């Protein structure tokens, strides 16, 4: 049986990661104790998470015509991603992320778009048949918003499951949000989209209800180590149901790509026919495994690791 088709539309970066004792103050120079260069970018991370989890995944993205871009495409193929829609942009650099990680595993990130800025309306228009013939479209916010809005609109019209991880955090139009079926903000992103400071279950529920009012059927607000608030708007029954789906308690080394890993595995599980709750638990498991390793894509687990982790957790 042919697996359902997932399109990930998004960014591809090279991550330069420096571990520091604490985040820098203005004017401060600080010696780090570990330095790493790895492939990253929210779109690429989510595509890799889906590919390693077993999805039928096609990635729409752009890299530079440099060594890192060539290396990225080769690595995507090794991660079970279909790469025919990734374009190397002439005379352009692959996108860059500068990442500081503190002793608690938290991170601060600055981004240079590079080739990602070319993933615009002109870039995706020839690929629209591929997008509208897919079963799910997963997007983030590190590529031009106009292209994301167009892709969401056309996909929604054709009945494709449209999923948005609204990161990095920014305001979005109601027109764009009305074309999203499932959204996965963290607390910061939820506050920017709704004005609600998400600090507990009640506030998460309030924020989810505002997003439902904008036309989004399923809202998953990720809450870090607490898990995720999962809310559904059943229009036929005219009811909204929300619950906390707890995460797994693990020792975090760094949290880079934890949310991306969650998203890629979540959508993969949904396309496999899992219930929303089970898909969220699988996403939690994958994210827990990711935070126990360093880096973005190097930390993303394979499906066998996720399944083994879930079996071990079920014994406890």
Protein backbone atom coordinates (compact mmCIF):
# COMPACT_ATOMS: atom_id res chain seq x y z
CA UNK A 1 0.00 0.00 0.00
CA UNK A 2 1.36 3.41 -1.01
CA UNK A 3 2.18 5.68 1.92
CA UNK A 4 0.38 9.00 2.05
CA UNK A 5 2.44 11.88 0.68
CA UNK A 6 3.83 14.64 2.88
CA UNK A 7 5.20 17.90 1.49
CA UNK A 8 7.41 19.97 3.79
CA UNK A 9 7.83 23.55 2.56
CA UNK A 10 10.51 25.46 4.39
CA UNK A 11 14.06 26.46 5.18
CA UNK A 12 17.43 24.75 5.10
CA UNK A 13 20.33 26.16 7.13
CA UNK A 14 23.79 25.44 8.41
CA UNK A 15 23.88 25.72 12.21
CA UNK A 16 26.93 27.13 14.01
CA UNK A 17 26.45 26.12 17.64
CA UNK A 18 28.43 27.38 20.63
CA UNK A 19 27.83 26.13 24.17
CA UNK A 20 28.30 28.90 26.75
CA UNK A 21 28.01 29.12 30.56
CA UNK A 22 25.18 31.66 30.21
CA UNK A 23 23.62 33.88 27.57
CA UNK A 24 25.69 36.93 26.71
CA UNK A 25 24.90 40.44 27.93
CA UNK A 26 25.41 43.40 25.56
CA UNK A 27 29.13 44.01 25.09
CA UNK A 28 30.13 40.77 26.81
CA UNK A 29 32.72 38.37 25.38
CA UNK A 30 32.33 34.83 26.64
CA UNK A 31 34.39 31.68 26.09
CA UNK A 32 32.39 28.65 25.01
CA UNK A 33 33.23 25.09 25.98
CA UNK A 34 31.95 23.28 22.87
CA UNK A 35 31.54 24.24 19.20
CA UNK A 36 29.67 22.35 16.50
CA UNK A 37 28.69 22.86 12.86
CA UNK A 38 25.63 20.89 11.75
CA UNK A 39 22.79 20.98 9.24
CA UNK A 40 19.60 22.64 10.44
CA UNK A 41 16.78 25.00 9.50
CA UNK A 42 13.22 24.47 10.67
CA UNK A 43 11.97 23.11 7.38
CA UNK A 44 14.92 20.78 6.97
CA UNK A 45 14.73 19.59 10.57
CA UNK A 46 11.05 18.75 10.21
CA UNK A 47 11.65 17.01 6.90
CA UNK A 48 14.47 14.96 8.42
CA UNK A 49 12.29 14.04 11.42
CA UNK A 50 9.55 12.86 9.07
CA UNK A 51 11.97 10.99 6.82
CA UNK A 52 13.63 9.16 9.70
CA UNK A 53 10.20 8.34 11.13
CA UNK A 54 9.23 6.63 7.88
CA UNK A 55 7.15 9.22 6.02
CA UNK A 56 6.80 9.49 2.25
CA UNK A 57 8.35 12.95 2.38
CA UNK A 58 9.14 15.47 -0.37
CA UNK A 59 11.00 18.64 0.66
CA UNK A 60 10.54 21.99 -1.09
CA UNK A 61 13.47 24.23 -0.19
CA UNK A 62 16.51 26.11 -1.46
CA UNK A 63 20.22 25.95 -0.65
CA UNK A 64 23.20 27.91 -1.89
CA UNK A 65 25.51 26.79 -4.69
CA UNK A 66 28.17 26.15 -2.06
CA UNK A 67 29.69 23.10 -0.42
CA UNK A 68 27.21 23.15 2.45
CA UNK A 69 24.27 23.17 0.05
CA UNK A 70 25.65 20.17 -1.83
CA UNK A 71 26.29 18.36 1.44
CA UNK A 72 22.79 19.13 2.69
CA UNK A 73 21.07 17.63 -0.37
CA UNK A 74 23.20 14.49 -0.11
CA UNK A 75 22.35 14.13 3.58
CA UNK A 76 18.62 14.63 2.93
CA UNK A 77 18.69 11.68 0.54
CA UNK A 78 20.34 9.58 3.25
CA UNK A 79 17.52 10.60 5.58
CA UNK A 80 14.88 9.11 3.24
CA UNK A 81 13.76 12.48 1.85
CA UNK A 82 12.81 12.98 -1.79
CA UNK A 83 15.03 15.87 -2.92
CA UNK A 84 13.84 16.66 -6.45
CA UNK A 85 12.18 19.92 -5.31
CA UNK A 86 15.27 21.33 -3.57
CA UNK A 87 17.00 23.97 -5.70
CA UNK A 88 20.57 25.26 -5.47
CA UNK A 89 20.42 29.04 -6.04
CA UNK A 90 23.29 30.38 -8.20
CA UNK A 91 25.61 32.89 -6.52
CA UNK A 92 23.84 32.52 -3.19
CA UNK A 93 24.86 31.15 0.21
CA UNK A 94 23.04 28.42 2.12
CA UNK A 95 21.12 29.92 5.04
CA UNK A 96 22.93 30.26 8.37
CA UNK A 97 21.85 30.02 12.00
CA UNK A 98 24.10 31.25 14.81
CA UNK A 99 23.11 29.42 18.00
CA UNK A 100 24.15 29.89 21.62
CA UNK A 101 23.25 27.09 24.07
CA UNK A 102 23.43 27.68 27.84
CA UNK A 103 24.04 25.17 30.64
CA UNK A 104 20.31 24.48 30.99
CA UNK A 105 20.09 23.43 27.34
CA UNK A 106 18.16 26.55 26.35
CA UNK A 107 19.12 28.34 23.14
CA UNK A 108 19.24 31.76 21.47
CA UNK A 109 19.31 31.86 17.67
CA UNK A 110 20.09 34.44 14.99
CA UNK A 111 19.39 33.63 11.33
CA UNK A 112 20.69 34.77 7.92
CA UNK A 113 18.17 33.70 5.27
CA UNK A 114 20.54 33.26 2.30
CA UNK A 115 18.96 30.92 -0.25
CA UNK A 116 15.83 30.58 1.90
CA UNK A 117 14.75 34.06 0.79
CA UNK A 118 14.35 32.67 -2.74
CA UNK A 119 11.56 30.25 -1.73
CA UNK A 120 8.99 32.80 -2.88
CA UNK A 121 5.81 32.74 -4.95
CA UNK A 122 7.73 32.38 -8.22
CA UNK A 123 9.70 29.48 -6.72
CA UNK A 124 6.69 27.45 -5.57
CA UNK A 125 4.22 28.21 -8.38
CA UNK A 126 5.62 25.51 -10.73
CA UNK A 127 5.43 23.06 -7.81
CA UNK A 128 1.81 23.79 -6.94
CA UNK A 129 0.50 20.58 -8.58
CA UNK A 130 2.79 18.59 -6.30
CA UNK A 131 1.54 20.51 -3.26
CA UNK A 132 -2.15 20.18 -4.09
CA UNK A 133 -1.84 16.47 -4.90
CA UNK A 134 -0.22 15.68 -1.55
CA UNK A 135 -2.00 14.42 1.57
CA UNK A 136 -0.42 16.91 3.99
CA UNK A 137 1.53 20.16 3.78
CA UNK A 138 3.80 21.12 6.69
CA UNK A 139 5.14 24.70 6.87
CA UNK A 140 7.10 27.03 9.16
CA UNK A 141 7.97 30.75 8.98
CA UNK A 142 11.62 30.93 7.88
CA UNK A 143 10.78 31.42 4.18
CA UNK A 144 8.81 34.25 2.48
CA UNK A 145 5.30 34.50 3.94
CA UNK A 146 3.60 35.22 0.59
CA UNK A 147 4.57 31.81 -0.72
CA UNK A 148 3.34 30.09 2.43
CA UNK A 149 0.02 31.90 2.20
CA UNK A 150 -0.43 30.85 -1.43
CA UNK A 151 0.53 27.24 -0.73
CA UNK A 152 -1.87 27.04 2.21
CA UNK A 153 -4.73 28.52 0.20
CA UNK A 154 -4.31 26.18 -2.78
CA UNK A 155 -3.73 23.12 -0.59
CA UNK A 156 -6.79 23.87 1.55
CA UNK A 157 -8.95 24.23 -1.56
CA UNK A 158 -7.92 20.70 -2.63
CA UNK A 159 -8.55 19.11 0.77
CA UNK A 160 -4.88 18.73 1.73
CA UNK A 161 -4.20 18.68 5.48
CA UNK A 162 -2.47 22.02 6.10
CA UNK A 163 -0.16 22.16 9.14
CA UNK A 164 1.68 25.25 10.36
CA UNK A 165 4.41 25.44 12.95
CA UNK A 166 4.31 29.26 13.43
CA UNK A 167 8.02 29.70 14.16
CA UNK A 168 9.93 31.93 14.39
CA UNK A 169 7.19 33.83 16.22
CA UNK A 170 5.44 36.59 14.29
CA UNK A 171 1.99 38.05 13.68
CA UNK A 172 -0.02 36.32 10.96
CA UNK A 173 -3.08 37.41 9.02
CA UNK A 174 -6.47 35.90 9.77
CA UNK A 175 -6.74 35.05 6.06
CA UNK A 176 -3.63 32.89 6.31
CA UNK A 177 -4.73 31.23 9.55
CA UNK A 178 -8.16 30.43 8.08
CA UNK A 179 -6.41 28.13 5.60
CA UNK A 180 -4.64 26.14 8.35
CA UNK A 181 -6.14 22.89 9.66
CA UNK A 182 -3.60 22.22 12.44
CA UNK A 183 -1.30 24.69 14.17
CA UNK A 184 1.51 23.97 16.65
CA UNK A 185 2.68 27.13 18.45
CA UNK A 186 4.76 27.12 21.63
CA UNK A 187 3.84 29.45 24.52
CA UNK A 188 5.65 32.46 23.01
CA UNK A 189 4.15 31.97 19.56
CA UNK A 190 0.67 31.43 21.02
CA UNK A 191 0.91 34.74 22.89
CA UNK A 192 1.91 36.63 19.74
CA UNK A 193 -0.97 35.08 17.78
CA UNK A 194 -3.63 35.47 20.48
CA UNK A 195 -2.46 37.99 23.08
CA UNK A 196 -2.86 35.33 25.78
CA UNK A 197 0.05 34.71 28.15
CA UNK A 198 0.10 30.89 28.27
CA UNK A 199 1.11 29.96 31.82
CA UNK A 200 -1.24 27.08 32.70
CA UNK A 201 -3.94 24.80 31.28
CA UNK A 202 -6.66 27.44 31.56
CA UNK A 203 -4.69 30.05 29.63
CA UNK A 204 -3.66 27.45 27.04
CA UNK A 205 -7.34 26.62 26.57
CA UNK A 206 -8.18 30.31 26.15
CA UNK A 207 -5.45 30.77 23.55
CA UNK A 208 -6.58 27.65 21.68
CA UNK A 209 -10.16 28.92 21.56
CA UNK A 210 -9.03 32.19 19.97
CA UNK A 211 -7.16 30.21 17.30
CA UNK A 212 -10.25 28.06 16.73
CA UNK A 213 -12.23 31.27 16.16
CA UNK A 214 -9.83 32.09 13.35
CA UNK A 215 -10.90 28.89 11.58
CA UNK A 216 -8.26 26.41 12.75
CA UNK A 217 -9.74 23.01 13.62
CA UNK A 218 -6.88 21.55 15.67
CA UNK A 219 -4.57 23.51 17.99
CA UNK A 220 -1.55 21.96 19.70
CA UNK A 221 0.28 24.36 22.02
CA UNK A 222 3.64 22.84 22.94
CA UNK A 223 4.62 23.45 26.55
CA UNK A 224 8.19 22.18 26.75
CA UNK A 225 8.75 19.54 29.41
CA UNK A 226 5.08 19.71 30.47
CA UNK A 227 3.90 18.30 27.15
CA UNK A 228 1.26 19.89 24.91
CA UNK A 229 -2.23 21.33 25.17
CA UNK A 230 -4.30 19.59 22.48
CA UNK A 231 -7.57 21.22 21.47
CA UNK A 232 -10.10 20.33 18.79
CA UNK A 233 -13.04 22.25 17.44
CA UNK A 234 -15.80 19.84 16.43
CA UNK A 235 -17.94 22.08 14.25
CA UNK A 236 -20.60 19.41 13.71
CA UNK A 237 -21.08 18.94 17.45
CA UNK A 238 -20.44 22.66 18.06
CA UNK A 239 -18.02 21.82 20.85
CA UNK A 240 -14.37 22.42 21.72
CA UNK A 241 -12.46 19.81 23.70
CA UNK A 242 -8.99 20.35 25.13
CA UNK A 243 -6.60 18.31 27.26
CA UNK A 244 -2.99 18.24 28.38
CA UNK A 245 -1.01 15.41 26.80
CA UNK A 246 2.05 15.06 29.07
CA UNK A 247 5.58 14.80 27.70
CA UNK A 248 8.42 12.57 28.87
CA UNK A 249 10.85 13.62 31.62
CA UNK A 250 14.43 13.27 30.38
CA UNK A 251 17.79 14.94 30.99
CA UNK A 252 18.08 17.65 28.33
CA UNK A 253 21.48 18.43 26.84
CA UNK A 254 20.12 21.04 24.43
CA UNK A 255 16.66 21.80 23.06
CA UNK A 256 17.67 22.69 19.49
CA UNK A 257 15.19 21.16 17.01
CA UNK A 258 13.01 19.59 19.72
CA UNK A 259 9.94 21.36 18.37
CA UNK A 260 10.88 20.56 14.79
CA UNK A 261 11.30 16.89 15.66
CA UNK A 262 7.89 16.90 17.35
CA UNK A 263 6.23 18.40 14.28
CA UNK A 264 7.78 16.07 11.73
CA UNK A 265 6.92 12.94 13.70
CA UNK A 266 3.44 14.22 14.65
CA UNK A 267 2.41 14.66 11.00
CA UNK A 268 4.02 11.36 10.01
CA UNK A 269 1.95 9.54 12.64
CA UNK A 270 -1.26 11.28 11.55
CA UNK A 271 -0.65 10.23 7.93
CA UNK A 272 -0.19 6.67 9.16
CA UNK A 273 -3.71 6.82 10.60
CA UNK A 274 -2.84 7.23 14.28
CA UNK A 275 -5.23 9.11 16.55
CA UNK A 276 -4.32 12.68 17.38
CA UNK A 277 -3.44 11.75 20.96
CA UNK A 278 -1.16 8.91 19.92
CA UNK A 279 0.48 11.08 17.26
CA UNK A 280 1.21 13.70 19.92
CA UNK A 281 2.73 11.05 22.21
CA UNK A 282 4.94 9.84 19.36
CA UNK A 283 6.00 13.43 18.76
CA UNK A 284 6.80 13.80 22.46
CA UNK A 285 8.91 10.64 22.39
CA UNK A 286 10.90 11.82 19.38
CA UNK A 287 11.46 15.26 20.93
CA UNK A 288 12.60 13.67 24.21
CA UNK A 289 15.18 11.62 22.34
CA UNK A 290 16.33 14.71 20.42
CA UNK A 291 17.01 16.85 23.51
CA UNK A 292 19.26 14.14 24.96
CA UNK A 293 21.74 14.72 22.10
CA UNK A 294 23.58 17.76 20.78
CA UNK A 295 22.70 19.69 17.65
CA UNK A 296 19.69 19.81 15.34
CA UNK A 297 19.63 17.10 12.67
CA UNK A 298 22.34 14.97 14.32
CA UNK A 299 20.01 14.59 17.33
CA UNK A 300 16.83 13.66 15.44
CA UNK A 301 15.95 9.99 16.10
CA UNK A 302 15.07 7.22 13.67
CA UNK A 303 11.77 5.34 13.90
CA UNK A 304 13.31 2.30 15.54
CA UNK A 305 14.63 4.54 18.35
CA UNK A 306 11.20 6.11 18.84
CA UNK A 307 9.43 2.75 18.97
CA UNK A 308 11.99 1.36 21.42
CA UNK A 309 11.69 4.43 23.64
CA UNK A 310 7.89 4.17 23.74
CA UNK A 311 8.08 0.48 24.65
CA UNK A 312 10.48 1.23 27.48
CA UNK A 313 8.32 4.06 28.77
CA UNK A 314 5.23 1.86 28.72
CA UNK A 315 6.94 -0.50 31.19
CA UNK A 316 7.40 2.28 33.74
